[in-house]
C-alpha atoms as a PDB file:
ATOM      1  CA  MET A   1      -7.433  90.378  26.869  1.00  0.00           C
ATOM      2  CA  ASN A   2      -8.281  91.811  23.502  1.00  0.00           C
ATOM      3  CA  GLU A   3      -6.961  90.048  20.436  1.00  0.00           C
ATOM      4  CA  VAL A   4      -3.727  92.003  19.921  1.00  0.00           C
ATOM      5  CA  SER A   5      -0.591  90.580  18.360  1.00  0.00           C
ATOM      6  CA  LEU A   6       2.496  90.223  20.549  1.00  0.00           C
ATOM      7  CA  PRO A   7       4.674  92.509  18.369  1.00  0.00           C
ATOM      8  CA  THR A   8       2.056  95.259  18.783  1.00  0.00           C
ATOM      9  CA  LEU A   9       2.260  94.943  22.570  1.00  0.00           C
ATOM     10  CA  LEU A  10       6.067  94.914  22.550  1.00  0.00           C
ATOM     11  CA  ASN A  11       6.207  98.113  20.513  1.00  0.00           C
ATOM     12  CA  LYS A  12       4.111  99.916  23.133  1.00  0.00           C
ATOM     13  CA  ALA A  13       6.547  99.338  26.019  1.00  0.00           C
ATOM     14  CA  LYS A  14       6.818 102.217  28.487  1.00  0.00           C
ATOM     15  CA  SER A  15       9.637 103.269  30.778  1.00  0.00           C
ATOM     16  CA  VAL A  16       9.284 103.300  34.542  1.00  0.00           C
ATOM     17  CA  ILE A  17      11.234 105.038  37.281  1.00  0.00           C
ATOM     18  CA  LEU A  18      12.125 103.076  40.413  1.00  0.00           C
ATOM     19  CA  THR A  19      12.924 104.421  43.848  1.00  0.00           C
ATOM     20  CA  GLU A  20      16.022 103.043  45.584  1.00  0.00           C
ATOM     21  CA  GLU A  21      13.729 100.884  47.735  1.00  0.00           C
ATOM     22  CA  GLY A  22      11.825  99.673  44.668  1.00  0.00           C
ATOM     23  CA  LEU A  23      15.069  98.765  42.907  1.00  0.00           C
ATOM     24  CA  ARG A  24      16.308  96.762  45.912  1.00  0.00           C
ATOM     25  CA  GLU A  25      12.962  94.958  46.204  1.00  0.00           C
ATOM     26  CA  SER A  26      12.847  94.135  42.481  1.00  0.00           C
ATOM     27  CA  GLU A  27      16.390  92.718  42.640  1.00  0.00           C
ATOM     28  CA  ARG A  28      15.502  90.670  45.727  1.00  0.00           C
ATOM     29  CA  LEU A  29      12.415  89.233  44.042  1.00  0.00           C
ATOM     30  CA  PHE A  30      14.290  88.553  40.798  1.00  0.00           C
ATOM     31  CA  MET A  31      16.935  86.605  42.705  1.00  0.00           C
ATOM     32  CA  ARG A  32      14.267  84.727  44.663  1.00  0.00           C
ATOM     33  CA  HIS A  33      12.238  83.654  41.632  1.00  0.00           C
ATOM     34  CA  PHE A  34      14.707  83.402  38.743  1.00  0.00           C
ATOM     35  CA  VAL A  35      18.116  82.425  40.160  1.00  0.00           C
ATOM     36  CA  ALA A  36      18.829  78.800  41.036  1.00  0.00           C
ATOM     37  CA  ALA A  37      19.073  78.084  44.754  1.00  0.00           C
ATOM     38  CA  GLY A  38      22.605  77.598  46.020  1.00  0.00           C
ATOM     39  CA  GLY A  39      24.140  79.396  43.062  1.00  0.00           C
ATOM     40  CA  GLN A  40      27.207  81.533  43.616  1.00  0.00           C
ATOM     41  CA  GLY A  41      27.201  85.075  42.310  1.00  0.00           C
ATOM     42  CA  ASN A  42      28.366  88.578  42.985  1.00  0.00           C
ATOM     43  CA  ASN A  43      24.868  89.872  43.897  1.00  0.00           C
ATOM     44  CA  GLU A  44      24.818  92.199  40.871  1.00  0.00           C
ATOM     45  CA  THR A  45      22.167  91.977  38.195  1.00  0.00           C
ATOM     46  CA  ASN A  46      23.536  92.626  34.710  1.00  0.00           C
ATOM     47  CA  LEU A  47      20.622  92.898  32.332  1.00  0.00           C
END
């Protein structure tokens, strides 16, 4: 990667559009990788 400061990269963030299927898959993967196993929740992601 080129030598670019982190704030420069953060200021160049772009928006993306997800399909319904893409949204479901991203939520599934988020839960799989970032939520502790055995945790109780309401299956909603509040970001």
